[in-house]
């Protein structure tokens, strides 16, 4: 994968309807632009281990390849959505040992896109109960403009307080 230029987009993608909609809107707003489709996955190993029915103990580090493999598959799916939307897209899946938003901000700081595009709600497990927690955190911590696209409605553009 070639590194995107400073004028490229970062498209956050988790496989949700909202993320697909955000990519499709980005394609209509920025036709033909280079884009990096970013999927963030979290390792299971941080959760330690657990006992199943009190008899079998599963060490989650032994199956950490599962979320990594899923992350790669989801990123590739997002790349295809972006290409179908008219963007010159590449895909990357990155591990987030901490909060998902921190991984997104770190990738954005490294690639310095013109804009980070994301849906307002995603498939981030328990965090999905907190309305837009990842997108809200990215808006407040990113050093680049962030376009948050609700599944149905008009996009919101946010910048961090330092901009």
Protein backbone atom coordinates (compact mmCIF):
# COMPACT_ATOMS: atom_id res chain seq x y z
CA UNK A 1 0.00 0.00 0.00
CA UNK A 2 1.30 3.40 -0.87
CA UNK A 3 1.04 6.08 1.76
CA UNK A 4 -1.67 8.65 1.06
CA UNK A 5 -0.63 12.21 0.32
CA UNK A 6 -1.51 15.09 2.60
CA UNK A 7 -4.59 15.82 0.50
CA UNK A 8 -6.02 12.28 0.87
CA UNK A 9 -9.02 11.20 2.89
CA UNK A 10 -9.09 8.81 5.80
CA UNK A 11 -12.35 6.86 5.75
CA UNK A 12 -13.13 5.09 9.02
CA UNK A 13 -14.92 1.83 8.33
CA UNK A 14 -16.26 -0.82 10.71
CA UNK A 15 -18.73 -2.56 8.42
CA UNK A 16 -21.76 -0.68 9.74
CA UNK A 17 -24.46 0.91 7.60
CA UNK A 18 -23.39 4.31 8.91
CA UNK A 19 -19.79 3.77 7.83
CA UNK A 20 -20.89 2.68 4.35
CA UNK A 21 -23.09 5.74 4.05
CA UNK A 22 -20.21 8.00 5.14
CA UNK A 23 -17.92 6.52 2.47
CA UNK A 24 -20.60 6.90 -0.21
CA UNK A 25 -21.08 10.54 0.74
CA UNK A 26 -17.31 11.08 0.68
CA UNK A 27 -17.28 9.68 -2.85
CA UNK A 28 -19.86 12.23 -3.96
CA UNK A 29 -18.11 15.12 -2.18
CA UNK A 30 -14.55 14.22 -3.20
CA UNK A 31 -14.81 12.23 -6.47
CA UNK A 32 -11.60 10.56 -7.59
CA UNK A 33 -9.64 11.49 -4.46
CA UNK A 34 -7.13 9.15 -2.87
CA UNK A 35 -8.43 7.58 0.30
CA UNK A 36 -7.19 5.33 3.04
CA UNK A 37 -9.93 3.09 4.41
CA UNK A 38 -9.12 2.56 8.08
CA UNK A 39 -10.51 -0.28 10.16
CA UNK A 40 -9.53 -0.42 13.82
CA UNK A 41 -9.65 -3.70 15.71
CA UNK A 42 -9.03 -4.44 19.35
CA UNK A 43 -7.10 -7.46 20.62
CA UNK A 44 -8.82 -10.02 22.80
CA UNK A 45 -5.66 -10.64 24.82
CA UNK A 46 -6.21 -7.54 26.92
CA UNK A 47 -9.23 -9.27 28.40
CA UNK A 48 -7.06 -12.10 29.80
CA UNK A 49 -8.87 -15.41 29.95
CA UNK A 50 -12.20 -16.80 31.03
CA UNK A 51 -13.67 -20.11 32.08
CA UNK A 52 -16.44 -21.64 30.02
CA UNK A 53 -19.04 -23.45 32.10
CA UNK A 54 -16.47 -23.59 34.89
CA UNK A 55 -14.41 -26.33 33.24
CA UNK A 56 -12.53 -25.04 30.22
CA UNK A 57 -10.28 -21.99 30.45
CA UNK A 58 -9.66 -20.07 27.25
CA UNK A 59 -6.65 -17.82 26.98
CA UNK A 60 -7.80 -15.05 24.66
CA UNK A 61 -4.23 -14.32 23.52
CA UNK A 62 -4.33 -17.70 21.78
CA UNK A 63 -7.13 -16.50 19.49
CA UNK A 64 -6.07 -12.88 18.94
CA UNK A 65 -5.68 -13.60 15.22
CA UNK A 66 -9.50 -13.66 14.95
CA UNK A 67 -10.10 -9.92 15.43
CA UNK A 68 -7.00 -9.14 13.33
CA UNK A 69 -8.31 -11.32 10.50
CA UNK A 70 -11.77 -9.76 10.81
CA UNK A 71 -10.21 -6.29 10.76
CA UNK A 72 -8.41 -7.05 7.49
CA UNK A 73 -11.58 -8.49 5.94
CA UNK A 74 -13.66 -5.49 7.01
CA UNK A 75 -11.02 -3.03 5.74
CA UNK A 76 -11.03 -4.74 2.34
CA UNK A 77 -14.83 -4.57 2.25
CA UNK A 78 -14.60 -0.83 2.98
CA UNK A 79 -11.99 -0.40 0.24
CA UNK A 80 -14.46 -1.90 -2.24
CA UNK A 81 -17.25 0.41 -1.00
CA UNK A 82 -14.91 3.37 -1.50
CA UNK A 83 -13.87 2.26 -4.97
CA UNK A 84 -17.52 1.75 -5.92
CA UNK A 85 -18.09 5.34 -4.72
CA UNK A 86 -15.43 6.61 -7.14
CA UNK A 87 -12.48 6.97 -4.77
CA UNK A 88 -8.93 5.70 -5.33
CA UNK A 89 -8.85 3.69 -2.13
CA UNK A 90 -6.40 1.52 -0.24
CA UNK A 91 -7.21 -0.31 2.99
CA UNK A 92 -5.48 -0.80 6.31
CA UNK A 93 -6.51 -2.52 9.54
CA UNK A 94 -4.75 -1.37 12.69
CA UNK A 95 -4.74 -2.71 16.22
CA UNK A 96 -6.00 -0.46 18.99
CA UNK A 97 -4.56 -1.55 22.31
CA UNK A 98 -6.53 1.32 23.87
CA UNK A 99 -9.63 3.25 22.80
CA UNK A 100 -10.58 3.09 19.13
CA UNK A 101 -10.61 6.88 18.81
CA UNK A 102 -6.95 7.08 19.88
CA UNK A 103 -5.93 4.71 17.09
CA UNK A 104 -7.88 6.79 14.54
CA UNK A 105 -6.23 10.02 15.73
CA UNK A 106 -2.78 8.39 15.65
CA UNK A 107 -3.24 7.22 12.05
CA UNK A 108 -4.59 10.65 11.07
CA UNK A 109 -1.59 12.36 12.66
CA UNK A 110 0.75 10.07 10.73
CA UNK A 111 -0.98 10.52 7.34
CA UNK A 112 -2.23 14.11 7.75
CA UNK A 113 -5.31 13.82 5.52
CA UNK A 114 -7.35 16.77 4.34
CA UNK A 115 -10.29 15.26 6.23
CA UNK A 116 -11.20 12.24 8.36
CA UNK A 117 -14.61 10.84 7.39
CA UNK A 118 -16.69 8.63 9.67
CA UNK A 119 -20.22 7.64 10.50
CA UNK A 120 -21.80 8.91 13.69
CA UNK A 121 -22.41 5.45 15.12
CA UNK A 122 -20.68 2.17 14.50
CA UNK A 123 -20.30 -1.41 15.60
CA UNK A 124 -17.99 -0.93 18.55
CA UNK A 125 -19.73 -3.26 21.00
CA UNK A 126 -20.65 -1.76 24.34
CA UNK A 127 -19.39 1.62 23.18
CA UNK A 128 -22.19 1.71 20.60
CA UNK A 129 -24.58 2.38 23.50
CA UNK A 130 -22.80 5.70 23.99
CA UNK A 131 -24.14 7.77 21.15
CA UNK A 132 -21.31 8.63 18.82
CA UNK A 133 -18.61 8.18 21.47
CA UNK A 134 -15.85 7.35 18.97
CA UNK A 135 -16.78 10.10 16.50
CA UNK A 136 -17.18 12.59 19.34
CA UNK A 137 -13.73 11.77 20.71
CA UNK A 138 -12.12 11.97 17.26
CA UNK A 139 -13.67 15.41 16.68
CA UNK A 140 -12.29 16.65 19.99
CA UNK A 141 -8.80 15.17 19.67
CA UNK A 142 -7.95 15.06 15.95
CA UNK A 143 -5.67 17.67 14.48
CA UNK A 144 -7.42 17.41 11.10
CA UNK A 145 -10.96 18.36 10.09
CA UNK A 146 -13.40 15.53 10.76
CA UNK A 147 -16.59 14.93 8.79
CA UNK A 148 -19.16 12.96 10.80
CA UNK A 149 -21.99 11.62 8.67
CA UNK A 150 -25.22 10.49 10.33
CA UNK A 151 -26.85 7.45 8.73
CA UNK A 152 -29.83 9.58 7.72
CA UNK A 153 -29.31 13.29 7.56
CA UNK A 154 -26.78 15.99 6.93
CA UNK A 155 -23.09 15.68 7.80
CA UNK A 156 -21.45 17.60 10.62
CA UNK A 157 -17.98 19.01 10.25
CA UNK A 158 -15.89 19.32 13.35
CA UNK A 159 -12.44 20.56 14.15
CA UNK A 160 -10.48 20.13 17.31
CA UNK A 161 -10.36 23.11 19.69
CA UNK A 162 -6.79 23.87 18.61
CA UNK A 163 -7.76 24.55 14.99
